[in-house]
Amino acid sequence: MSEDGGFTSAVRLELASLPVPSEREARAELAGMLLVGAAASDDGRRVRDIAGRRPGDIPLGPLCVGDVLQLDVPSSAVARRGIGLVQRSLGVRPRLTAVSTTARRPHGPAYRVTVPAATVRARDAGRGARPVRAHVAAMEDGDAETAALLRGAVLVGGSVSAPDRPVHLELSGISAGVAPLLIAALGQVIPASRPIHDPERRRLVVKSGDVVTDLLAALGATRAFLTFDDRRLRRQLRGEANRLANADAANLARIAYSAGAQIDAIELAVGRDGWDVFAQDLREVALARIANPSASVTELAELLSLPRATLHRRLRRVEEVARSVVAVDTAEAAEGTSDSVQGTNRSARPDHATPDASSDATPEESLR
């Protein structure tokens, strides 16, 4: 990940600025960092060595690469965080080196924190077993350690979309062996997380806005959580307002089209046969429709003090009566047009002429 501006950088900087946690949480967070990226290119053995353990009990020796514990980080802030975690969990000061800008791949690590593997394994061997505690306290401790593990993974391999963009949280550099561990950790912290694992691109993806906001809060990124949630809610409200405005516009267009068709049919019927074509109850509805062309069915029902269903039935009957009158008028006009066309055809047809004598002549006689 690069150190440019953006929401991901803001999240990373806030998480890196948190106070260094307890020894167990520091070990869990450091393990989360090491599980992502170059140190996570495991052959299955490393994952088997740490599987089934609580995050605070994960041994760091199996995560060593050769004779060093190597942590590649994307920014100076995360590098300082890594140094603090190593000091808290292992009690030694690590070595920090900058990765050459000509050698680093795009969006690759910018700093490297290393500790001799012999020191790490010696610390693992001397830690001893975890003291027995009350069940409830152990569960609460386990949740904090799991959140620390995820915080380390997000610090090194995480990216979060800007709040005004479609929701997308991604953990990159996740091998097939590490993915089940992080999926289980996400499920413990956010039960409804359901991340998507893409083994070809070595990543975990979360598309739910609720899950992203809950995860940011659980990891301790309070400012990022408030910013993300606020802008996401604004975007949702703006989208809902646009949807309602579009729905209102569509309803108004539908009302205008329906009312226009009703008024046209009523005026044609009244123009031919007068208002007597309608019964008294239908006449009131027809007059109300002509007088209020933009009113909806509900508004007309309130105006006439009628139930909406009753008014809807009467409007339908008004349309049927008006269209029947118009249909009769159209049929008569069509019949009259047909009669006039037939008379025109008869007058244009020539009378049978008397045969010409020359027509009976033979070809020879015609030539004479």
Protein backbone atom coordinates (compact mmCIF):
# COMPACT_ATOMS: atom_id res chain seq x y z
CA MET A 1 0.00 0.00 0.00
CA SER A 2 1.25 3.45 -0.81
CA GLU A 3 1.37 6.30 1.61
CA ASP A 4 -0.65 8.72 -0.55
CA GLY A 5 -3.61 10.57 0.85
CA GLY A 6 -6.98 8.92 1.01
CA PHE A 7 -9.29 7.17 3.38
CA THR A 8 -7.11 4.05 3.61
CA SER A 9 -4.13 6.15 4.69
CA ALA A 10 -6.29 7.94 7.27
CA VAL A 11 -7.48 4.60 8.69
CA ARG A 12 -3.95 3.23 8.78
CA LEU A 13 -2.58 6.34 10.47
CA GLU A 14 -5.31 6.30 13.14
CA LEU A 15 -4.78 2.61 13.91
CA ALA A 16 -1.00 3.07 14.04
CA SER A 17 -1.44 5.95 16.51
CA LEU A 18 -3.32 3.87 19.09
CA PRO A 19 -1.54 3.13 22.37
CA VAL A 20 0.54 -0.05 22.28
CA PRO A 21 -1.67 -2.75 23.90
CA SER A 22 -0.85 -5.43 26.45
CA GLU A 23 1.74 -8.14 25.75
CA ARG A 24 -0.85 -10.66 24.59
CA GLU A 25 -2.68 -8.20 22.34
CA ALA A 26 0.65 -6.91 20.99
CA ARG A 27 1.62 -10.50 20.09
CA ALA A 28 -1.76 -11.03 18.39
CA GLU A 29 -1.46 -7.77 16.41
CA LEU A 30 2.10 -8.56 15.38
CA ALA A 31 0.95 -12.02 14.25
CA GLY A 32 -1.77 -10.40 12.14
CA MET A 33 0.86 -8.23 10.44
CA LEU A 34 3.09 -11.22 9.76
CA LEU A 35 0.24 -13.33 8.35
CA VAL A 36 -0.26 -10.80 5.54
CA GLY A 37 2.14 -10.36 2.65
CA ALA A 38 5.58 -11.87 2.20
CA ALA A 39 5.72 -13.65 5.56
CA ALA A 40 2.42 -15.35 4.77
CA SER A 41 3.71 -17.17 1.67
CA ASP A 42 3.60 -20.36 3.77
CA ASP A 43 3.88 -23.98 2.79
CA GLY A 44 1.10 -25.00 5.14
CA ARG A 45 3.45 -25.87 8.01
CA ARG A 46 3.44 -22.37 9.49
CA VAL A 47 -0.36 -22.23 9.51
CA ARG A 48 -0.61 -25.68 11.09
CA ASP A 49 1.78 -24.59 13.85
CA ILE A 50 -0.43 -21.65 14.86
CA ALA A 51 -3.88 -23.10 14.12
CA GLY A 52 -6.16 -23.79 17.09
CA ARG A 53 -4.46 -21.26 19.38
CA ARG A 54 -5.86 -18.08 20.87
CA PRO A 55 -4.48 -14.97 19.12
CA GLY A 56 -2.50 -13.99 22.22
CA ASP A 57 -0.87 -17.45 22.33
CA ILE A 58 0.28 -17.59 18.71
CA PRO A 59 4.01 -18.44 18.56
CA LEU A 60 5.96 -16.07 16.35
CA GLY A 61 8.78 -18.52 15.63
CA PRO A 62 6.85 -20.40 12.87
CA LEU A 63 6.28 -17.06 11.13
CA CYS A 64 10.01 -16.40 10.74
CA VAL A 65 11.50 -16.35 7.25
CA GLY A 66 14.83 -18.14 7.32
CA ASP A 67 16.90 -16.82 10.22
CA VAL A 68 14.89 -13.61 10.78
CA LEU A 69 11.42 -12.48 11.72
CA GLN A 70 10.68 -10.14 8.81
CA LEU A 71 7.85 -7.62 8.81
CA ASP A 72 7.29 -5.55 5.65
CA VAL A 73 5.09 -2.50 6.25
CA PRO A 74 3.63 0.15 3.90
CA SER A 75 4.37 3.37 5.81
CA SER A 76 6.54 4.96 8.46
CA ALA A 77 3.62 5.14 10.89
CA VAL A 78 3.01 1.39 10.60
CA ALA A 79 6.77 0.81 10.94
CA ARG A 80 6.77 2.68 14.27
CA ARG A 81 3.77 0.64 15.33
CA GLY A 82 5.56 -2.59 14.41
CA ILE A 83 8.63 -1.59 16.43
CA GLY A 84 6.45 -0.88 19.47
CA LEU A 85 4.66 -4.23 19.12
CA VAL A 86 7.96 -6.13 18.87
CA GLN A 87 9.30 -4.39 21.96
CA ARG A 88 6.11 -5.11 23.93
CA SER A 89 5.71 -8.76 22.87
CA LEU A 90 9.36 -9.87 22.56
CA GLY A 91 11.19 -7.38 24.79
CA VAL A 92 13.84 -6.57 22.14
CA ARG A 93 14.43 -3.63 19.85
CA PRO A 94 14.19 -4.69 16.18
CA ARG A 95 16.15 -3.41 13.23
CA LEU A 96 14.43 -0.99 10.83
CA THR A 97 15.50 -0.60 7.20
CA ALA A 98 13.99 1.31 4.28
CA VAL A 99 13.25 -0.62 1.12
CA SER A 100 14.88 0.94 -1.97
CA THR A 101 12.38 2.79 -4.12
CA THR A 102 13.92 1.28 -7.26
CA ALA A 103 13.55 -2.25 -5.94
CA ARG A 104 10.08 -2.06 -4.43
CA ARG A 105 7.14 -3.09 -6.57
CA PRO A 106 4.14 -0.75 -6.97
CA HIS A 107 2.25 -0.41 -3.70
CA GLY A 108 4.75 -2.77 -2.07
CA PRO A 109 6.44 -2.46 1.34
CA ALA A 110 8.29 0.73 2.14
CA TYR A 111 9.96 -0.32 5.40
CA ARG A 112 11.20 -3.59 6.86
CA VAL A 113 11.35 -4.51 10.54
CA THR A 114 13.53 -7.54 11.37
CA VAL A 115 14.38 -9.54 14.50
CA PRO A 116 16.77 -12.54 14.66
CA ALA A 117 14.78 -15.78 14.54
CA ALA A 118 16.83 -17.25 17.42
CA THR A 119 15.69 -14.42 19.69
CA VAL A 120 12.04 -14.93 18.68
CA ARG A 121 12.13 -18.69 19.31
CA ALA A 122 13.84 -18.20 22.65
CA ARG A 123 11.13 -15.76 23.73
CA ASP A 124 8.43 -18.20 22.56
CA ALA A 125 10.01 -21.01 24.60
CA GLY A 126 10.29 -18.86 27.73
CA ARG A 127 6.77 -17.47 27.72
CA GLY A 128 5.20 -20.39 29.56
CA ALA A 129 1.54 -21.30 29.66
CA ARG A 130 -1.22 -18.75 29.98
CA PRO A 131 -2.52 -18.39 33.56
CA VAL A 132 -6.02 -19.73 34.17
CA ARG A 133 -8.67 -16.99 34.42
CA ALA A 134 -12.40 -16.76 34.82
CA HIS A 135 -14.38 -17.90 31.77
CA VAL A 136 -16.05 -14.53 31.13
CA ALA A 137 -12.82 -12.61 31.48
CA ALA A 138 -11.08 -15.05 29.12
CA MET A 139 -13.80 -14.58 26.49
CA GLU A 140 -13.55 -10.78 26.71
CA ASP A 141 -9.76 -11.05 26.50
CA GLY A 142 -10.08 -13.34 23.49
CA ASP A 143 -12.31 -10.83 21.68
CA ALA A 144 -9.74 -8.06 22.27
CA GLU A 145 -6.94 -10.33 21.04
CA THR A 146 -8.93 -11.28 17.93
CA ALA A 147 -9.58 -7.61 17.20
CA ALA A 148 -5.83 -6.98 17.63
CA LEU A 149 -5.06 -9.78 15.13
CA LEU A 150 -7.39 -8.19 12.58
CA ARG A 151 -5.95 -4.73 13.30
CA GLY A 152 -2.50 -5.99 12.37
CA ALA A 153 -3.82 -7.52 9.12
CA VAL A 154 -5.59 -4.26 8.20
CA LEU A 155 -2.50 -2.16 9.00
CA VAL A 156 -0.34 -4.12 6.54
CA GLY A 157 -2.72 -5.42 3.87
CA GLY A 158 -5.97 -3.52 4.29
CA SER A 159 -7.61 -0.97 2.03
CA VAL A 160 -10.97 0.75 2.55
CA SER A 161 -12.96 2.60 -0.08
CA ALA A 162 -13.73 6.27 0.49
CA PRO A 163 -17.07 6.82 2.23
CA ASP A 164 -18.59 8.45 -0.88
CA ARG A 165 -17.70 5.46 -3.08
CA PRO A 166 -19.28 1.98 -3.23
CA VAL A 167 -18.39 0.02 -0.09
CA HIS A 168 -15.26 -2.11 -0.48
CA LEU A 169 -12.90 -3.36 2.24
CA GLU A 170 -10.06 -5.58 1.08
CA LEU A 171 -7.29 -7.53 2.80
CA SER A 172 -4.61 -8.33 0.22
CA GLY A 173 -1.73 -10.78 0.38
CA ILE A 174 -3.91 -13.50 1.95
CA SER A 175 -2.73 -17.02 1.12
CA ALA A 176 -5.06 -20.00 0.92
CA GLY A 177 -3.80 -21.27 4.29
CA VAL A 178 -4.20 -17.94 6.11
CA ALA A 179 -7.65 -17.10 4.70
CA PRO A 180 -9.64 -19.51 6.96
CA LEU A 181 -7.92 -18.07 10.06
CA LEU A 182 -8.84 -14.48 9.18
CA ILE A 183 -12.36 -15.46 8.11
CA ALA A 184 -12.88 -17.14 11.49
CA ALA A 185 -11.48 -14.06 13.26
CA LEU A 186 -13.83 -11.76 11.31
CA GLY A 187 -16.74 -14.03 12.17
CA GLN A 188 -15.88 -13.82 15.87
CA VAL A 189 -15.64 -10.03 15.93
CA ILE A 190 -18.44 -9.33 13.38
CA PRO A 191 -20.76 -12.37 13.22
CA ALA A 192 -22.48 -11.14 10.02
CA SER A 193 -19.24 -10.35 8.15
CA ARG A 194 -19.27 -13.13 5.48
CA PRO A 195 -16.10 -12.02 3.62
CA ILE A 196 -15.44 -13.25 0.10
CA HIS A 197 -12.15 -15.08 -0.47
CA ASP A 198 -10.51 -14.63 -3.89
CA PRO A 199 -7.67 -17.20 -3.96
CA GLU A 200 -6.42 -16.17 -7.40
CA ARG A 201 -5.82 -12.57 -6.32
CA ARG A 202 -4.95 -13.58 -2.71
CA ARG A 203 -7.44 -11.31 -1.02
CA LEU A 204 -10.48 -11.15 1.27
CA VAL A 205 -13.25 -8.71 0.31
CA VAL A 206 -16.14 -7.26 2.35
CA LYS A 207 -18.91 -5.35 0.56
CA SER A 208 -21.31 -4.61 3.44
CA GLY A 209 -21.34 -1.06 4.78
CA ASP A 210 -22.61 -2.20 8.18
CA VAL A 211 -19.80 -4.74 8.50
CA VAL A 212 -17.15 -2.18 7.53
CA THR A 213 -18.40 0.38 10.06
CA ASP A 214 -18.61 -2.26 12.82
CA LEU A 215 -15.10 -3.48 11.98
CA LEU A 216 -13.62 0.03 12.07
CA ALA A 217 -15.20 0.59 15.47
CA ALA A 218 -13.98 -2.80 16.77
CA LEU A 219 -10.40 -2.12 15.62
CA GLY A 220 -10.33 1.25 17.39
CA ALA A 221 -10.52 3.57 14.34
CA THR A 222 -13.14 5.82 15.94
CA ARG A 223 -12.64 8.87 13.71
CA ALA A 224 -12.67 6.75 10.57
CA PHE A 225 -15.80 4.98 11.83
CA LEU A 226 -17.63 8.29 12.42
CA THR A 227 -16.53 9.71 9.04
CA PHE A 228 -17.42 6.55 7.13
CA ASP A 229 -20.79 6.12 8.82
CA ASP A 230 -21.74 9.78 8.45
CA ARG A 231 -20.92 9.97 4.74
CA ARG A 232 -22.46 6.57 4.05
CA LEU A 233 -25.71 7.64 5.70
CA ARG A 234 -25.66 10.88 3.71
CA ARG A 235 -25.20 8.94 0.49
CA GLN A 236 -28.03 6.58 1.41
CA LEU A 237 -30.34 9.49 2.28
CA ARG A 238 -29.45 11.26 -0.96
CA GLY A 239 -30.14 8.10 -2.94
CA GLU A 240 -33.45 7.57 -1.12
CA ALA A 241 -34.46 11.19 -1.78
CA ASN A 242 -33.63 10.80 -5.48
CA ARG A 243 -35.56 7.55 -5.64
CA LEU A 244 -38.62 9.14 -4.03
CA ALA A 245 -38.37 12.17 -6.31
CA ASN A 246 -38.20 9.94 -9.37
CA ALA A 247 -41.14 7.89 -8.09
CA ASP A 248 -43.16 11.08 -7.49
CA ALA A 249 -42.35 12.33 -10.98
CA ALA A 250 -43.40 9.00 -12.48
CA ASN A 251 -46.65 9.03 -10.46
CA LEU A 252 -47.43 12.59 -11.58
CA ALA A 253 -46.80 11.67 -15.22
CA ARG A 254 -49.05 8.61 -14.87
CA ILE A 255 -51.80 10.68 -13.24
CA ALA A 256 -51.57 13.36 -15.95
CA TYR A 257 -51.73 10.77 -18.75
CA SER A 258 -54.70 8.94 -17.20
CA ALA A 259 -56.59 12.16 -16.45
CA GLY A 260 -55.94 13.48 -19.98
CA ALA A 261 -57.32 10.31 -21.55
CA GLN A 262 -60.42 10.46 -19.33
CA ILE A 263 -61.08 14.13 -20.10
CA ASP A 264 -60.68 13.61 -23.87
CA ALA A 265 -63.16 10.73 -23.83
CA ILE A 266 -65.68 12.70 -21.70
CA GLU A 267 -65.50 15.81 -23.92
CA LEU A 268 -65.97 13.77 -27.12
CA ALA A 269 -68.97 11.93 -25.66
CA VAL A 270 -70.58 15.13 -24.32
CA GLY A 271 -69.92 16.91 -27.61
CA ARG A 272 -71.88 14.21 -29.46
CA ASP A 273 -74.78 13.33 -27.15
CA GLY A 274 -74.61 15.88 -24.30
CA TRP A 275 -74.41 15.22 -20.57
CA ASP A 276 -77.46 12.97 -20.64
CA VAL A 277 -75.24 10.19 -21.87
CA PHE A 278 -74.08 9.77 -18.24
CA ALA A 279 -76.20 8.71 -15.28
CA GLN A 280 -76.43 11.17 -12.38
CA ASP A 281 -73.70 9.53 -10.24
CA LEU A 282 -71.35 9.25 -13.22
CA ARG A 283 -72.11 12.84 -14.31
CA GLU A 284 -70.83 14.18 -10.96
CA VAL A 285 -67.63 12.19 -11.32
CA ALA A 286 -67.13 13.32 -14.93
CA LEU A 287 -67.67 17.00 -13.99
CA ALA A 288 -65.21 16.65 -11.08
CA ARG A 289 -62.60 15.10 -13.36
CA ILE A 290 -62.91 17.92 -15.96
CA ALA A 291 -62.78 20.57 -13.24
CA ASN A 292 -59.69 18.97 -11.59
CA PRO A 293 -57.52 17.56 -14.36
CA SER A 294 -54.38 17.22 -12.21
CA ALA A 295 -56.06 15.62 -9.18
CA SER A 296 -55.26 12.03 -8.28
CA VAL A 297 -57.93 9.43 -7.60
CA THR A 298 -57.39 9.89 -3.86
CA GLU A 299 -57.82 13.67 -4.12
CA LEU A 300 -60.98 13.32 -6.22
CA ALA A 301 -62.39 10.84 -3.71
CA GLU A 302 -61.81 13.32 -0.87
CA LEU A 303 -63.37 16.11 -2.96
CA LEU A 304 -66.54 14.08 -3.67
CA SER A 305 -66.61 12.47 -0.18
CA LEU A 306 -66.53 9.01 -1.72
CA PRO A 307 -64.49 5.95 -0.86
CA ARG A 308 -61.49 5.61 -3.13
CA ALA A 309 -62.62 2.23 -4.44
CA THR A 310 -66.09 3.61 -5.28
CA LEU A 311 -64.63 6.55 -7.17
CA HIS A 312 -62.25 4.27 -9.03
CA ARG A 313 -65.19 2.10 -10.20
CA ARG A 314 -67.21 5.15 -11.30
CA LEU A 315 -64.30 6.59 -13.23
CA ARG A 316 -63.92 3.29 -15.02
CA ARG A 317 -67.66 3.29 -15.88
CA VAL A 318 -67.40 6.91 -17.12
CA GLU A 319 -64.57 5.88 -19.43
CA GLU A 320 -66.54 2.86 -20.68
CA VAL A 321 -69.66 4.95 -21.44
CA ALA A 322 -67.65 7.71 -23.12
CA ARG A 323 -65.67 5.27 -25.22
CA SER A 324 -68.78 3.39 -26.29
CA VAL A 325 -70.30 6.66 -27.55
CA VAL A 326 -67.08 7.57 -29.33
CA ALA A 327 -66.86 4.07 -30.79
CA VAL A 328 -70.39 4.33 -32.22
CA ASP A 329 -69.58 7.73 -33.69
CA THR A 330 -66.36 6.36 -35.20
CA ALA A 331 -68.15 3.34 -36.67
CA GLU A 332 -70.82 5.55 -38.30
CA ALA A 333 -68.18 7.85 -39.72
CA ALA A 334 -66.31 4.87 -41.11
CA GLU A 335 -69.49 3.49 -42.68
CA GLY A 336 -70.26 6.86 -44.33
CA THR A 337 -66.74 7.05 -45.66
CA SER A 338 -67.07 3.55 -47.12
CA ASP A 339 -70.32 4.43 -48.91
CA SER A 340 -68.83 7.57 -50.44
CA VAL A 341 -65.78 5.64 -51.65
CA GLN A 342 -67.99 3.04 -53.30
CA GLY A 343 -70.05 5.76 -55.06
CA THR A 344 -66.90 7.41 -56.32
CA ASN A 345 -65.66 4.13 -57.73
CA ARG A 346 -68.98 3.52 -59.57
CA SER A 347 -68.98 6.99 -61.16
CA ALA A 348 -65.42 6.58 -62.32
CA ARG A 349 -66.08 3.21 -63.99
CA PRO A 350 -66.56 3.59 -67.93
CA ASP A 351 -69.83 2.43 -69.62
CA HIS A 352 -69.74 -0.54 -71.95
CA ALA A 353 -69.17 0.96 -75.42
CA THR A 354 -70.64 -0.34 -78.65
CA PRO A 355 -68.18 -2.57 -80.33
CA ASP A 356 -66.38 -0.91 -83.18
CA ALA A 357 -66.84 -2.47 -86.55
CA SER A 358 -63.18 -2.20 -87.13
CA SER A 359 -62.67 -4.43 -84.17
CA ASP A 360 -64.25 -7.30 -86.06
CA ALA A 361 -62.00 -6.87 -89.05
CA THR A 362 -59.37 -9.39 -89.80
CA PRO A 363 -55.74 -8.43 -89.60
CA GLU A 364 -55.49 -8.39 -93.38
CA GLU A 365 -58.45 -6.01 -93.71
CA SER A 366 -56.98 -3.71 -91.09
CA LEU A 367 -53.78 -3.48 -93.06
CA ARG A 368 -55.73 -2.39 -96.13
